[in-house]
Amino acid sequence: MKKIRVHPEIRQEIAKEFSVTRQTVDMSLKCVFNSDKAKSIRKRAKELLIKESEKIEY
C-alpha cells in the first residue's frame, strides 16, 4: 500500500496550510483521495520531509 508517513506536527501544519481537516490530510497521504488538492498535499508533505531530512548531520 502506498502512503507517506509524516510526523503528526507536520500533518497539522499541512492541514492548516491547505485549510482542510487532519482526516483529509491523512486520507490524502494514504492515497485514498486522488484529487488535485490531495496531490498538492502529497507534494507538500514530500517537500517538508526533504526539508526535515536536511537538518540531519552525519
PDB file of N, CA and C in Angstrom:
ATOM      1  N   MET A   1       0.841  -1.185   0.000  1.00  0.00           N
ATOM      2  CA  MET A   1       0.000   0.000   0.000  1.00  0.00           C
ATOM      3  C   MET A   1       0.883   1.245   0.000  1.00  0.00           C
ATOM      4  N   LYS A   2       0.566   2.187  -0.869  1.00  0.00           N
ATOM      5  CA  LYS A   2       1.336   3.422  -0.931  1.00  0.00           C
ATOM      6  C   LYS A   2       0.842   4.382   0.139  1.00  0.00           C
ATOM      7  N   LYS A   3       1.782   4.963   0.868  1.00  0.00           N
ATOM      8  CA  LYS A   3       1.433   6.035   1.791  1.00  0.00           C
ATOM      9  C   LYS A   3       2.691   6.793   2.177  1.00  0.00           C
ATOM     10  N   ILE A   4       2.477   8.012   2.581  1.00  0.00           N
ATOM     11  CA  ILE A   4       3.576   8.862   3.017  1.00  0.00           C
ATOM     12  C   ILE A   4       3.439   9.010   4.527  1.00  0.00           C
ATOM     13  N   ARG A   5       4.476   8.655   5.254  1.00  0.00           N
ATOM     14  CA  ARG A   5       4.451   8.750   6.716  1.00  0.00           C
ATOM     15  C   ARG A   5       5.118  10.040   7.157  1.00  0.00           C
ATOM     16  N   VAL A   6       4.381  10.848   7.891  1.00  0.00           N
ATOM     17  CA  VAL A   6       4.932  12.095   8.416  1.00  0.00           C
ATOM     18  C   VAL A   6       4.519  12.248   9.876  1.00  0.00           C
ATOM     19  N   HIS A   7       5.275  13.002  10.591  1.00  0.00           N
ATOM     20  CA  HIS A   7       5.007  13.271  12.000  1.00  0.00           C
ATOM     21  C   HIS A   7       3.686  14.035  12.130  1.00  0.00           C
ATOM     22  N   PRO A   8       2.933  13.786  13.202  1.00  0.00           N
ATOM     23  CA  PRO A   8       1.660  14.487  13.402  1.00  0.00           C
ATOM     24  C   PRO A   8       1.764  16.016  13.357  1.00  0.00           C
ATOM     25  N   GLU A   9       2.882  16.562  13.805  1.00  0.00           N
ATOM     26  CA  GLU A   9       3.053  18.019  13.746  1.00  0.00           C
ATOM     27  C   GLU A   9       3.077  18.505  12.298  1.00  0.00           C
ATOM     28  N   ILE A  10       3.711  17.737  11.430  1.00  0.00           N
ATOM     29  CA  ILE A  10       3.760  18.106  10.014  1.00  0.00           C
ATOM     30  C   ILE A  10       2.376  17.958   9.396  1.00  0.00           C
ATOM     31  N   ARG A  11       1.649  16.907   9.778  1.00  0.00           N
ATOM     32  CA  ARG A  11       0.272  16.748   9.282  1.00  0.00           C
ATOM     33  C   ARG A  11      -0.583  17.944   9.664  1.00  0.00           C
ATOM     34  N   GLN A  12      -0.448  18.384  10.910  1.00  0.00           N
ATOM     35  CA  GLN A  12      -1.223  19.531  11.383  1.00  0.00           C
ATOM     36  C   GLN A  12      -0.848  20.785  10.596  1.00  0.00           C
ATOM     37  N   GLU A  13       0.429  20.970  10.351  1.00  0.00           N
ATOM     38  CA  GLU A  13       0.909  22.117   9.581  1.00  0.00           C
ATOM     39  C   GLU A  13       0.316  22.108   8.167  1.00  0.00           C
ATOM     40  N   ILE A  14       0.291  20.943   7.547  1.00  0.00           N
ATOM     41  CA  ILE A  14      -0.269  20.819   6.197  1.00  0.00           C
ATOM     42  C   ILE A  14      -1.768  21.109   6.216  1.00  0.00           C
ATOM     43  N   ALA A  15      -2.471  20.589   7.212  1.00  0.00           N
ATOM     44  CA  ALA A  15      -3.914  20.828   7.321  1.00  0.00           C
ATOM     45  C   ALA A  15      -4.208  22.318   7.428  1.00  0.00           C
ATOM     46  N   LYS A  16      -3.422  23.009   8.236  1.00  0.00           N
ATOM     47  CA  LYS A  16      -3.591  24.451   8.403  1.00  0.00           C
ATOM     48  C   LYS A  16      -3.286  25.183   7.095  1.00  0.00           C
ATOM     49  N   GLU A  17      -2.206  24.792   6.451  1.00  0.00           N
ATOM     50  CA  GLU A  17      -1.761  25.435   5.215  1.00  0.00           C
ATOM     51  C   GLU A  17      -2.797  25.306   4.090  1.00  0.00           C
ATOM     52  N   PHE A  18      -3.449  24.142   4.004  1.00  0.00           N
ATOM     53  CA  PHE A  18      -4.421  23.896   2.940  1.00  0.00           C
ATOM     54  C   PHE A  18      -5.866  24.137   3.383  1.00  0.00           C
ATOM     55  N   SER A  19      -6.057  24.541   4.628  1.00  0.00           N
ATOM     56  CA  SER A  19      -7.402  24.786   5.184  1.00  0.00           C
ATOM     57  C   SER A  19      -8.301  23.555   5.036  1.00  0.00           C
ATOM     58  N   VAL A  20      -7.763  22.418   5.462  1.00  0.00           N
ATOM     59  CA  VAL A  20      -8.510  21.160   5.435  1.00  0.00           C
ATOM     60  C   VAL A  20      -8.378  20.488   6.800  1.00  0.00           C
ATOM     61  N   THR A  21      -9.134  19.418   7.004  1.00  0.00           N
ATOM     62  CA  THR A  21      -9.058  18.688   8.269  1.00  0.00           C
ATOM     63  C   THR A  21      -7.856  17.746   8.271  1.00  0.00           C
ATOM     64  N   ARG A  22      -7.503  17.295   9.465  1.00  0.00           N
ATOM     65  CA  ARG A  22      -6.418  16.304   9.578  1.00  0.00           C
ATOM     66  C   ARG A  22      -6.807  15.019   8.862  1.00  0.00           C
ATOM     67  N   GLN A  23      -8.095  14.689   8.903  1.00  0.00           N
ATOM     68  CA  GLN A  23      -8.558  13.477   8.233  1.00  0.00           C
ATOM     69  C   GLN A  23      -8.322  13.567   6.724  1.00  0.00           C
ATOM     70  N   THR A  24      -8.564  14.732   6.148  1.00  0.00           N
ATOM     71  CA  THR A  24      -8.314  14.919   4.716  1.00  0.00           C
ATOM     72  C   THR A  24      -6.838  14.724   4.412  1.00  0.00           C
ATOM     73  N   VAL A  25      -5.982  15.265   5.267  1.00  0.00           N
ATOM     74  CA  VAL A  25      -4.539  15.100   5.083  1.00  0.00           C
ATOM     75  C   VAL A  25      -4.175  13.619   5.188  1.00  0.00           C
ATOM     76  N   ASP A  26      -4.691  12.947   6.205  1.00  0.00           N
ATOM     77  CA  ASP A  26      -4.391  11.522   6.391  1.00  0.00           C
ATOM     78  C   ASP A  26      -4.822  10.694   5.182  1.00  0.00           C
ATOM     79  N   MET A  27      -6.036  10.939   4.698  1.00  0.00           N
ATOM     80  CA  MET A  27      -6.548  10.179   3.558  1.00  0.00           C
ATOM     81  C   MET A  27      -5.758  10.498   2.285  1.00  0.00           C
ATOM     82  N   SER A  28      -5.315  11.732   2.164  1.00  0.00           N
ATOM     83  CA  SER A  28      -4.504  12.118   1.002  1.00  0.00           C
ATOM     84  C   SER A  28      -3.142  11.437   1.050  1.00  0.00           C
ATOM     85  N   LEU A  29      -2.542  11.385   2.246  1.00  0.00           N
ATOM     86  CA  LEU A  29      -1.226  10.766   2.394  1.00  0.00           C
ATOM     87  C   LEU A  29      -1.288   9.247   2.232  1.00  0.00           C
ATOM     88  N   LYS A  30      -2.462   8.670   2.457  1.00  0.00           N
ATOM     89  CA  LYS A  30      -2.644   7.228   2.254  1.00  0.00           C
ATOM     90  C   LYS A  30      -3.098   6.914   0.829  1.00  0.00           C
ATOM     91  N   CYS A  31      -3.163   7.942  -0.009  1.00  0.00           N
ATOM     92  CA  CYS A  31      -3.560   7.809  -1.422  1.00  0.00           C
ATOM     93  C   CYS A  31      -4.992   7.303  -1.592  1.00  0.00           C
ATOM     94  N   VAL A  32      -5.833   7.546  -0.594  1.00  0.00           N
ATOM     95  CA  VAL A  32      -7.254   7.221  -0.721  1.00  0.00           C
ATOM     96  C   VAL A  32      -7.911   8.274  -1.604  1.00  0.00           C
ATOM     97  N   PHE A  33      -7.541   9.535  -1.376  1.00  0.00           N
ATOM     98  CA  PHE A  33      -8.024  10.638  -2.206  1.00  0.00           C
ATOM     99  C   PHE A  33      -7.005  10.889  -3.307  1.00  0.00           C
ATOM    100  N   ASN A  34      -7.497  11.233  -4.492  1.00  0.00           N
ATOM    101  CA  ASN A  34      -6.579  11.491  -5.598  1.00  0.00           C
ATOM    102  C   ASN A  34      -6.949  12.769  -6.349  1.00  0.00           C
ATOM    103  N   SER A  35      -7.557  13.711  -5.650  1.00  0.00           N
ATOM    104  CA  SER A  35      -7.924  14.988  -6.259  1.00  0.00           C
ATOM    105  C   SER A  35      -6.673  15.845  -6.448  1.00  0.00           C
ATOM    106  N   ASP A  36      -6.848  16.975  -7.105  1.00  0.00           N
ATOM    107  CA  ASP A  36      -5.720  17.895  -7.280  1.00  0.00           C
ATOM    108  C   ASP A  36      -5.198  18.372  -5.931  1.00  0.00           C
ATOM    109  N   LYS A  37      -6.122  18.625  -4.990  1.00  0.00           N
ATOM    110  CA  LYS A  37      -5.705  19.070  -3.658  1.00  0.00           C
ATOM    111  C   LYS A  37      -4.925  17.964  -2.950  1.00  0.00           C
ATOM    112  N   ALA A  38      -5.379  16.725  -3.084  1.00  0.00           N
ATOM    113  CA  ALA A  38      -4.683  15.592  -2.461  1.00  0.00           C
ATOM    114  C   ALA A  38      -3.272  15.453  -3.030  1.00  0.00           C
ATOM    115  N   LYS A  39      -3.149  15.648  -4.328  1.00  0.00           N
ATOM    116  CA  LYS A  39      -1.826  15.583  -4.956  1.00  0.00           C
ATOM    117  C   LYS A  39      -0.933  16.707  -4.443  1.00  0.00           C
ATOM    118  N   SER A  40      -1.520  17.888  -4.251  1.00  0.00           N
ATOM    119  CA  SER A  40      -0.756  19.019  -3.710  1.00  0.00           C
ATOM    120  C   SER A  40      -0.328  18.752  -2.274  1.00  0.00           C
ATOM    121  N   ILE A  41      -1.201  18.111  -1.510  1.00  0.00           N
ATOM    122  CA  ILE A  41      -0.881  17.760  -0.122  1.00  0.00           C
ATOM    123  C   ILE A  41       0.290  16.783  -0.095  1.00  0.00           C
ATOM    124  N   ARG A  42       0.264  15.779  -0.955  1.00  0.00           N
ATOM    125  CA  ARG A  42       1.372  14.810  -1.014  1.00  0.00           C
ATOM    126  C   ARG A  42       2.672  15.483  -1.443  1.00  0.00           C
ATOM    127  N   LYS A  43       2.577  16.378  -2.400  1.00  0.00           N
ATOM    128  CA  LYS A  43       3.765  17.102  -2.860  1.00  0.00           C
ATOM    129  C   LYS A  43       4.348  17.944  -1.728  1.00  0.00           C
ATOM    130  N   ARG A  44       3.479  18.628  -0.985  1.00  0.00           N
ATOM    131  CA  ARG A  44       3.934  19.468   0.127  1.00  0.00           C
ATOM    132  C   ARG A  44       4.547  18.610   1.236  1.00  0.00           C
ATOM    133  N   ALA A  45       3.944  17.463   1.516  1.00  0.00           N
ATOM    134  CA  ALA A  45       4.488  16.557   2.532  1.00  0.00           C
ATOM    135  C   ALA A  45       5.895  16.120   2.145  1.00  0.00           C
ATOM    136  N   LYS A  46       6.086  15.816   0.879  1.00  0.00           N
ATOM    137  CA  LYS A  46       7.414  15.413   0.398  1.00  0.00           C
ATOM    138  C   LYS A  46       8.412  16.549   0.574  1.00  0.00           C
ATOM    139  N   GLU A  47       7.993  17.776   0.231  1.00  0.00           N
ATOM    140  CA  GLU A  47       8.876  18.938   0.392  1.00  0.00           C
ATOM    141  C   GLU A  47       9.276  19.122   1.856  1.00  0.00           C
ATOM    142  N   LEU A  48       8.304  18.989   2.756  1.00  0.00           N
ATOM    143  CA  LEU A  48       8.592  19.168   4.181  1.00  0.00           C
ATOM    144  C   LEU A  48       9.485  18.055   4.714  1.00  0.00           C
ATOM    145  N   LEU A  49       9.307  16.832   4.224  1.00  0.00           N
ATOM    146  CA  LEU A  49      10.171  15.725   4.646  1.00  0.00           C
ATOM    147  C   LEU A  49      11.604  15.934   4.173  1.00  0.00           C
ATOM    148  N   ILE A  50      11.754  16.419   2.959  1.00  0.00           N
ATOM    149  CA  ILE A  50      13.098  16.702   2.443  1.00  0.00           C
ATOM    150  C   ILE A  50      13.750  17.794   3.276  1.00  0.00           C
ATOM    151  N   LYS A  51      12.984  18.841   3.578  1.00  0.00           N
ATOM    152  CA  LYS A  51      13.488  19.945   4.401  1.00  0.00           C
ATOM    153  C   LYS A  51      13.921  19.431   5.780  1.00  0.00           C
ATOM    154  N   GLU A  52      13.105  18.564   6.356  1.00  0.00           N
ATOM    155  CA  GLU A  52      13.411  17.994   7.671  1.00  0.00           C
ATOM    156  C   GLU A  52      14.665  17.118   7.605  1.00  0.00           C
ATOM    157  N   SER A  53      14.809  16.355   6.534  1.00  0.00           N
ATOM    158  CA  SER A  53      15.963  15.455   6.417  1.00  0.00           C
ATOM    159  C   SER A  53      17.273  16.220   6.250  1.00  0.00           C
ATOM    160  N   GLU A  54      17.189  17.427   5.716  1.00  0.00           N
ATOM    161  CA  GLU A  54      18.401  18.229   5.536  1.00  0.00           C
ATOM    162  C   GLU A  54      18.974  18.715   6.871  1.00  0.00           C
ATOM    163  N   LYS A  55      18.188  18.637   7.925  1.00  0.00           N
ATOM    164  CA  LYS A  55      18.656  19.039   9.254  1.00  0.00           C
ATOM    165  C   LYS A  55      19.544  17.970   9.892  1.00  0.00           C
ATOM    166  N   ILE A  56      19.509  16.768   9.330  1.00  0.00           N
ATOM    167  CA  ILE A  56      20.274  15.653   9.888  1.00  0.00           C
ATOM    168  C   ILE A  56      21.744  15.809   9.517  1.00  0.00           C
ATOM    169  N   GLU A  57      22.589  15.746  10.536  1.00  0.00           N
ATOM    170  CA  GLU A  57      24.027  15.808  10.303  1.00  0.00           C
ATOM    171  C   GLU A  57      24.594  14.403  10.399  1.00  0.00           C
ATOM    172  N   TYR A  58      25.529  14.089   9.537  1.00  0.00           N
ATOM    173  CA  TYR A  58      26.118  12.751   9.516  1.00  0.00           C
ATOM    174  C   TYR A  58      27.291  12.674  10.428  1.00  0.00           C
TER     175      TYR A  58
END
